[in-house]
Amino acid sequence: HVQLVESGGGSVQGGGSLRLSCVASFVSYEEYCMAWFRQAPGKGMEWVSSIYTGDGTTYFADSVKGRFTISRDNTKNMLYLQMNSLKPEDTAMYYCAIVWRSCSGGVPAPQAFDIWGQGTQVTVS
């Protein structure tokens, strides 16, 4: 069955950068939507960014637009989130997720996604 494993989280000072990775195992489809979500302590799951593997179209939440970049290496089934100019409010557990269709416009709901990773913690001080 499909598995997602995130890595790359850590602690960083404000203004710093981190690069998150997510490896997807046992994926048999070629075109689907991959996304990053995050959840801060005491808060709900927040969508961060999505990418459609079919054509590389990307989507970003307003809160991270211009600071975060999402990318994908289809040959390695890897998803990345480059996070620059980090702020304390970016502190959260970050999750990657897959839904077996194209990415939707607007802010996608977490419950729309089929597969989730275990998360990687990002702390910005």
Protein backbone atom coordinates (compact mmCIF):
# COMPACT_ATOMS: atom_id res chain seq x y z
CA HIS A 1 0.00 0.00 0.00
CA VAL A 2 1.08 3.61 -0.54
CA GLN A 3 3.25 5.13 2.16
CA LEU A 4 4.37 8.72 2.67
CA VAL A 5 7.35 9.56 4.84
CA GLU A 6 8.33 13.15 5.60
CA SER A 7 11.72 14.40 6.70
CA GLY A 8 13.70 17.60 6.97
CA GLY A 9 12.00 19.29 9.88
CA GLY A 10 13.92 20.93 12.68
CA SER A 11 14.45 24.08 14.67
CA VAL A 12 15.47 27.32 13.02
CA GLN A 13 15.57 30.98 13.89
CA GLY A 14 13.19 33.43 12.32
CA GLY A 15 14.26 34.38 8.81
CA GLY A 16 15.92 31.04 8.28
CA SER A 17 15.15 28.28 5.81
CA LEU A 18 14.28 24.60 5.84
CA ARG A 19 13.60 22.09 3.12
CA LEU A 20 11.07 19.38 3.80
CA SER A 21 10.99 16.14 1.83
CA CYS A 22 8.34 13.51 1.38
CA VAL A 23 8.97 10.17 -0.26
CA ALA A 24 6.01 8.28 -1.67
CA SER A 25 6.34 4.51 -1.86
CA PHE A 26 4.31 2.03 -3.91
CA VAL A 27 2.55 4.65 -6.00
CA SER A 28 1.15 3.15 -9.19
CA TYR A 29 -0.62 6.22 -10.58
CA GLU A 30 1.21 8.91 -12.54
CA GLU A 31 -1.12 11.88 -12.18
CA TYR A 32 -2.41 12.99 -8.81
CA CYS A 33 -2.29 15.87 -6.38
CA MET A 34 0.29 16.04 -3.63
CA ALA A 35 0.05 18.60 -0.86
CA TRP A 36 1.61 19.90 2.30
CA PHE A 37 -0.52 20.61 5.33
CA ARG A 38 0.48 21.79 8.77
CA GLN A 39 -0.97 21.76 12.23
CA ALA A 40 0.15 24.06 14.99
CA PRO A 41 -0.46 23.12 18.64
CA GLY A 42 -4.09 23.66 19.55
CA LYS A 43 -5.09 24.53 16.00
CA GLY A 44 -6.70 22.73 13.09
CA MET A 45 -5.05 21.31 10.03
CA GLU A 46 -4.04 24.07 7.61
CA TRP A 47 -3.37 23.57 3.92
CA VAL A 48 -0.02 25.01 2.84
CA SER A 49 0.62 24.10 -0.79
CA SER A 50 -0.23 21.62 -3.54
CA ILE A 51 1.28 20.39 -6.77
CA TYR A 52 -0.31 18.37 -9.55
CA THR A 53 2.06 15.70 -10.78
CA GLY A 54 0.45 15.73 -14.23
CA ASP A 55 1.56 19.19 -15.31
CA GLY A 56 3.41 20.64 -12.31
CA THR A 57 0.80 23.28 -11.53
CA THR A 58 1.36 24.63 -8.03
CA TYR A 59 -0.90 26.25 -5.47
CA PHE A 60 -0.05 28.14 -2.29
CA ALA A 61 -1.86 29.41 0.74
CA ASP A 62 -1.72 33.19 1.05
CA SER A 63 0.17 32.85 4.32
CA VAL A 64 3.16 31.24 2.60
CA LYS A 65 3.00 32.68 -0.90
CA GLY A 66 6.33 34.18 -1.91
CA ARG A 67 8.19 32.40 0.88
CA PHE A 68 7.57 28.71 0.23
CA THR A 69 8.16 26.71 -2.94
CA ILE A 70 6.74 23.26 -3.67
CA SER A 71 8.41 20.93 -6.12
CA ARG A 72 8.32 17.36 -7.19
CA ASP A 73 10.78 14.82 -8.58
CA ASN A 74 8.59 12.35 -10.42
CA THR A 75 11.48 9.99 -11.12
CA LYS A 76 12.09 9.53 -7.41
CA ASN A 77 8.49 9.96 -6.18
CA MET A 78 9.74 12.80 -4.00
CA LEU A 79 7.88 15.90 -2.90
CA TYR A 80 9.69 18.93 -1.50
CA LEU A 81 8.75 22.09 0.35
CA GLN A 82 11.40 24.79 0.39
CA MET A 83 10.60 27.18 3.20
CA ASN A 84 12.37 30.55 3.28
CA SER A 85 11.96 33.61 5.48
CA LEU A 86 10.46 31.44 8.18
CA LYS A 87 8.38 33.06 10.90
CA PRO A 88 7.43 31.84 14.38
CA GLU A 89 3.87 31.39 13.13
CA ASP A 90 5.16 28.74 10.70
CA THR A 91 5.84 26.50 13.70
CA ALA A 92 3.81 23.35 13.23
CA MET A 93 3.85 19.68 12.39
CA TYR A 94 4.04 19.43 8.61
CA TYR A 95 2.36 16.60 6.72
CA CYS A 96 2.39 15.54 3.10
CA ALA A 97 -0.71 14.04 1.59
CA ILE A 98 -2.02 12.57 -1.67
CA VAL A 99 -5.38 12.65 -3.35
CA TRP A 100 -5.89 10.50 -6.43
CA ARG A 101 -7.09 13.22 -8.77
CA SER A 102 -6.06 16.67 -9.98
CA CYS A 103 -5.63 19.45 -7.45
CA SER A 104 -8.70 21.55 -6.81
CA GLY A 105 -8.69 25.31 -6.83
CA GLY A 106 -9.12 27.28 -3.66
CA VAL A 107 -8.28 25.87 -0.25
CA PRO A 108 -8.58 22.07 -0.24
CA ALA A 109 -10.04 20.36 2.80
CA PRO A 110 -7.86 17.84 4.63
CA GLN A 111 -10.59 15.23 4.48
CA ALA A 112 -10.38 15.28 0.67
CA PHE A 113 -6.96 13.64 0.81
CA ASP A 114 -6.54 9.88 0.74
CA ILE A 115 -3.06 9.17 2.08
CA TRP A 116 -1.08 10.95 4.80
CA GLY A 117 2.42 10.81 6.18
CA GLN A 118 3.34 10.81 9.85
CA GLY A 119 4.58 14.41 9.85
CA THR A 120 7.78 16.29 10.55
CA GLN A 121 8.08 19.03 13.15
CA VAL A 122 9.16 22.55 12.23
CA THR A 123 9.93 24.99 15.03
CA VAL A 124 10.78 28.63 14.33
CA SER A 125 11.99 30.78 17.20
